[in-house]
Amino acid sequence: MALEMRDKVLLGGAALLAFGAIAGGYLLGDGLKRAKAADRSVTVRGLAEKDVTADLATWSISYSATGFDLPTVRAEIDNNTKELQAYFTGLGFKPGELTPTGAGVNQYLNNGVNNITITQRMLLRTTDIARAEKAVAQQFDLVRRGVTLQEGSGMKYSFTRLNDVKPDMVAAATKDARAAAEQFAKDSGSGVGGIKSATQGYFSIDARDGEGGDGSSDTPYKKVRVVTTVDFYLK
């Protein structure tokens, strides 16, 4: 009788162990399946662009006078400075918007003759973009006034309110990325879940219509662009 009871206990224990192994295997397999499903993702890029107008114009202006006598050359450069100031005042710029940024004197002997060149540098800085464009368009008037600008003098337009447009642009780029992920999911018979990870790209500000940015050909009409990289879960 005792032997029979012992056999029943052993058989019952073996059955429990077998059931536990089966259940454990099922749970392990189901867990791996769910883990594998949770790990499925797709990485896409989203683009956002926005046309903006510059809010700051800076014009680095260089001009010079050359001669053989220092007082005479200095008087010419002083006169050019007065004409330059009169030009911008006539266009309605405030006195503080045009400031000197430096000057240089170069002297050398040529066949025993002393040659003197004085270079003056001025900076126009304004938030009045329309007035700045007018100043560039009419700059030949400076030539009539006897002021010849050196090469490299040109207006540069800048957009300084990037932080104001960043949030909406990042949201738009993320929305664009989700649309791409949804198309991928549709083609593969899946669905798009939440964001697994995301990287905000570099914001670039370029000429809206492809103009150069070398000063003389710069434009106040800009295009802000950002590309985000987003990893979406698939379900």
Protein backbone atom coordinates (compact mmCIF):
# COMPACT_ATOMS: atom_id res chain seq x y z
CA MET A 1 0.00 0.00 0.00
CA ALA A 2 2.79 2.38 0.91
CA LEU A 3 4.53 1.57 -2.33
CA GLU A 4 1.40 2.37 -4.28
CA MET A 5 1.02 5.74 -2.53
CA ARG A 6 4.65 6.55 -3.23
CA ASP A 7 4.15 5.82 -6.96
CA LYS A 8 1.10 8.09 -7.04
CA VAL A 9 3.05 10.94 -5.40
CA LEU A 10 5.91 10.54 -7.86
CA LEU A 11 3.52 10.49 -10.80
CA GLY A 12 1.76 13.60 -9.51
CA GLY A 13 5.07 15.43 -9.06
CA ALA A 14 6.18 14.52 -12.54
CA ALA A 15 2.89 15.76 -13.94
CA LEU A 16 3.28 19.05 -12.11
CA LEU A 17 6.82 19.42 -13.39
CA ALA A 18 5.71 18.66 -16.93
CA PHE A 19 2.87 21.20 -16.69
CA GLY A 20 5.25 23.80 -15.24
CA ALA A 21 7.72 23.23 -18.05
CA ILE A 22 4.98 23.58 -20.65
CA ALA A 23 3.54 26.69 -19.03
CA GLY A 24 6.99 28.19 -18.58
CA GLY A 25 7.88 27.49 -22.16
CA TYR A 26 4.65 29.07 -23.34
CA LEU A 27 5.15 32.16 -21.22
CA LEU A 28 8.77 32.44 -22.32
CA GLY A 29 7.84 32.05 -25.96
CA ASP A 30 5.00 34.55 -25.64
CA GLY A 31 7.31 36.98 -23.85
CA LEU A 32 9.93 36.71 -26.58
CA LYS A 33 7.25 37.19 -29.19
CA ARG A 34 5.99 40.33 -27.46
CA ALA A 35 9.55 41.59 -26.97
CA LYS A 36 10.28 41.03 -30.62
CA ALA A 37 7.11 42.86 -31.61
CA ALA A 38 7.96 45.72 -29.29
CA ASP A 39 11.40 45.99 -30.85
CA ARG A 40 10.08 46.46 -34.38
CA SER A 41 10.59 50.01 -35.55
CA VAL A 42 11.21 52.14 -38.60
CA THR A 43 13.53 55.14 -38.89
CA VAL A 44 12.40 57.99 -41.14
CA ARG A 45 13.25 61.61 -41.76
CA GLY A 46 10.89 64.55 -41.73
CA LEU A 47 11.40 67.90 -43.45
CA ALA A 48 10.03 71.33 -42.54
CA GLU A 49 10.65 74.58 -44.42
CA LYS A 50 9.48 78.12 -43.72
CA ASP A 51 9.88 81.34 -45.69
CA VAL A 52 10.92 84.27 -43.52
CA THR A 53 12.09 87.85 -43.96
CA ALA A 54 15.32 89.06 -42.39
CA ASP A 55 14.97 91.35 -39.39
CA LEU A 56 18.52 92.73 -39.33
CA ALA A 57 20.61 94.36 -42.05
CA THR A 58 24.33 95.11 -41.68
CA TRP A 59 26.43 96.88 -44.27
CA SER A 60 30.20 96.82 -43.84
CA ILE A 61 31.46 99.80 -45.84
CA SER A 62 35.08 100.43 -46.76
CA TYR A 63 36.38 103.37 -48.79
CA SER A 64 39.78 104.95 -49.26
CA ALA A 65 41.66 108.01 -50.48
CA THR A 66 45.15 108.06 -51.99
CA GLY A 67 47.66 110.86 -52.47
CA PHE A 68 51.17 112.11 -51.76
CA ASP A 69 50.49 114.46 -48.84
CA LEU A 70 49.02 113.21 -45.56
CA PRO A 71 46.90 116.32 -44.73
CA THR A 72 45.43 116.32 -48.25
CA VAL A 73 44.57 112.60 -48.16
CA ARG A 74 43.10 112.96 -44.68
CA ALA A 75 40.94 115.86 -45.80
CA GLU A 76 39.64 113.76 -48.71
CA ILE A 77 38.74 110.83 -46.49
CA ASP A 78 37.02 113.18 -44.04
CA ASN A 79 34.98 114.64 -46.88
CA ASN A 80 34.04 111.14 -48.07
CA THR A 81 32.87 110.33 -44.55
CA LYS A 82 30.67 113.44 -44.47
CA GLU A 83 29.17 112.54 -47.85
CA LEU A 84 28.51 108.98 -46.68
CA GLN A 85 26.78 110.25 -43.54
CA ALA A 86 24.73 112.70 -45.60
CA TYR A 87 23.68 109.88 -47.94
CA PHE A 88 22.29 107.72 -45.13
CA THR A 89 20.76 110.68 -43.30
CA GLY A 90 18.96 111.66 -46.49
CA LEU A 91 17.47 108.16 -46.67
CA GLY A 92 16.10 108.53 -43.16
CA PHE A 93 18.57 106.46 -41.15
CA LYS A 94 19.21 107.46 -37.55
CA PRO A 95 22.68 108.81 -36.68
CA GLY A 96 23.43 105.88 -34.36
CA GLU A 97 22.81 103.32 -37.10
CA LEU A 98 26.03 104.30 -38.93
CA THR A 99 29.20 103.94 -36.87
CA PRO A 100 32.95 103.95 -37.65
CA THR A 101 34.65 100.60 -37.06
CA GLY A 102 38.26 101.48 -37.81
CA ALA A 103 40.75 103.11 -40.16
CA GLY A 104 44.13 102.28 -41.61
CA VAL A 105 47.03 104.24 -43.13
CA ASN A 106 49.43 102.72 -45.63
CA GLN A 107 52.57 104.56 -46.81
CA TYR A 108 55.28 103.47 -49.21
CA LEU A 109 57.96 105.08 -51.37
CA ASN A 110 57.79 104.77 -55.15
CA ASN A 111 60.82 106.26 -56.97
CA GLY A 112 61.42 108.45 -53.96
CA VAL A 113 57.81 109.67 -53.86
CA ASN A 114 55.78 109.03 -50.72
CA ASN A 115 52.44 107.36 -51.53
CA ILE A 116 49.76 107.47 -48.86
CA THR A 117 46.46 105.56 -48.69
CA ILE A 118 43.94 106.00 -45.90
CA THR A 119 41.13 103.46 -45.59
CA GLN A 120 38.05 104.14 -43.51
CA ARG A 121 35.57 101.47 -42.41
CA MET A 122 31.98 102.14 -41.37
CA LEU A 123 29.15 99.84 -40.32
CA LEU A 124 25.47 100.36 -40.97
CA ARG A 125 23.30 98.29 -38.64
CA THR A 126 19.52 98.58 -38.89
CA THR A 127 16.29 96.65 -38.41
CA ASP A 128 14.57 98.71 -41.11
CA ILE A 129 14.87 96.18 -43.93
CA ALA A 130 12.92 98.20 -46.50
CA ARG A 131 15.16 101.22 -45.95
CA ALA A 132 18.26 99.04 -46.16
CA GLU A 133 17.13 97.67 -49.53
CA LYS A 134 16.61 101.24 -50.74
CA ALA A 135 20.12 102.21 -49.63
CA VAL A 136 21.60 99.35 -51.65
CA ALA A 137 19.48 100.11 -54.70
CA GLN A 138 20.58 103.77 -54.74
CA GLN A 139 24.21 103.29 -53.74
CA PHE A 140 25.47 104.65 -57.07
CA ASP A 141 24.60 108.03 -55.62
CA LEU A 142 27.67 107.58 -53.43
CA VAL A 143 29.83 107.50 -56.55
CA ARG A 144 28.32 110.82 -57.63
CA ARG A 145 29.25 112.14 -54.21
CA GLY A 146 32.86 111.05 -54.78
CA VAL A 147 32.77 108.01 -52.48
CA THR A 148 34.03 104.81 -54.12
CA LEU A 149 33.33 101.68 -52.10
CA GLN A 150 36.00 99.03 -51.98
CA GLU A 151 35.41 95.48 -53.09
CA GLY A 152 33.79 93.43 -50.35
CA SER A 153 31.51 96.23 -49.19
CA GLY A 154 27.97 94.85 -49.23
CA MET A 155 24.73 94.50 -47.31
CA LYS A 156 24.13 91.33 -45.31
CA TYR A 157 20.65 90.34 -44.18
CA SER A 158 20.11 88.15 -41.12
CA PHE A 159 17.14 86.42 -39.54
CA THR A 160 17.64 86.51 -35.77
CA ARG A 161 14.29 85.15 -34.52
CA LEU A 162 15.05 81.48 -35.14
CA ASN A 163 13.92 80.48 -31.64
CA ASP A 164 10.46 81.88 -32.40
CA VAL A 165 9.89 79.46 -35.29
CA LYS A 166 11.74 76.39 -33.97
CA PRO A 167 8.87 74.74 -32.01
CA ASP A 168 6.37 74.85 -34.88
CA MET A 169 8.98 73.71 -37.39
CA VAL A 170 10.06 70.75 -35.26
CA ALA A 171 6.39 69.76 -34.88
CA ALA A 172 5.89 70.05 -38.64
CA ALA A 173 9.01 67.97 -39.36
CA THR A 174 7.87 65.29 -36.90
CA LYS A 175 4.44 65.22 -38.56
CA ASP A 176 6.13 64.81 -41.93
CA ALA A 177 8.21 61.95 -40.54
CA ARG A 178 5.10 60.21 -39.18
CA ALA A 179 3.45 60.44 -42.60
CA ALA A 180 6.48 58.69 -44.10
CA ALA A 181 6.38 56.03 -41.37
CA GLU A 182 2.67 55.44 -41.95
CA GLN A 183 3.28 54.91 -45.65
CA PHE A 184 6.01 52.39 -44.84
CA ALA A 185 3.75 50.63 -42.34
CA LYS A 186 0.91 50.48 -44.85
CA ASP A 187 3.19 48.92 -47.46
CA SER A 188 4.43 46.33 -44.96
CA GLY A 189 1.05 45.55 -43.39
CA SER A 190 1.93 47.13 -40.05
CA GLY A 191 0.80 50.06 -37.96
CA VAL A 192 2.70 53.02 -36.49
CA GLY A 193 3.06 53.33 -32.75
CA GLY A 194 4.76 55.91 -30.58
CA ILE A 195 8.17 57.50 -30.96
CA LYS A 196 11.07 55.30 -29.92
CA SER A 197 13.71 58.02 -30.37
CA ALA A 198 14.10 61.28 -32.24
CA THR A 199 16.95 63.56 -33.27
CA GLN A 200 16.49 67.20 -34.18
CA GLY A 201 18.59 68.16 -37.16
CA TYR A 202 20.53 71.34 -37.82
CA PHE A 203 18.52 74.46 -38.69
CA SER A 204 19.79 76.16 -41.85
CA ILE A 205 18.92 79.63 -43.13
CA ASP A 206 19.56 80.24 -46.81
CA ALA A 207 18.42 82.57 -49.55
CA ARG A 208 14.82 81.74 -50.41
CA ASP A 209 15.25 81.81 -54.16
CA GLY A 210 18.85 80.63 -54.42
CA GLU A 211 20.59 84.01 -54.48
CA GLY A 212 24.14 84.19 -53.22
CA GLY A 213 25.02 85.32 -49.74
CA ASP A 214 28.27 87.14 -50.40
CA GLY A 215 26.99 90.56 -49.35
CA SER A 216 26.53 92.32 -52.68
CA SER A 217 23.98 89.74 -53.82
CA ASP A 218 22.46 88.88 -50.43
CA THR A 219 18.69 89.03 -49.98
CA PRO A 220 16.39 89.63 -47.01
CA TYR A 221 14.10 86.82 -48.18
CA LYS A 222 15.22 83.62 -46.49
CA LYS A 223 14.17 80.00 -46.15
CA VAL A 224 14.58 78.20 -42.83
CA ARG A 225 14.98 74.43 -43.13
CA VAL A 226 15.26 71.56 -40.65
CA VAL A 227 15.37 67.78 -41.03
CA THR A 228 14.49 65.54 -38.09
CA THR A 229 15.25 61.83 -37.75
CA VAL A 230 12.53 59.88 -35.92
CA ASP A 231 12.40 56.18 -34.96
CA PHE A 232 8.78 54.97 -34.68
CA TYR A 233 7.59 51.71 -33.14
CA LEU A 234 5.70 49.41 -35.49
CA LYS A 235 2.71 47.44 -34.27
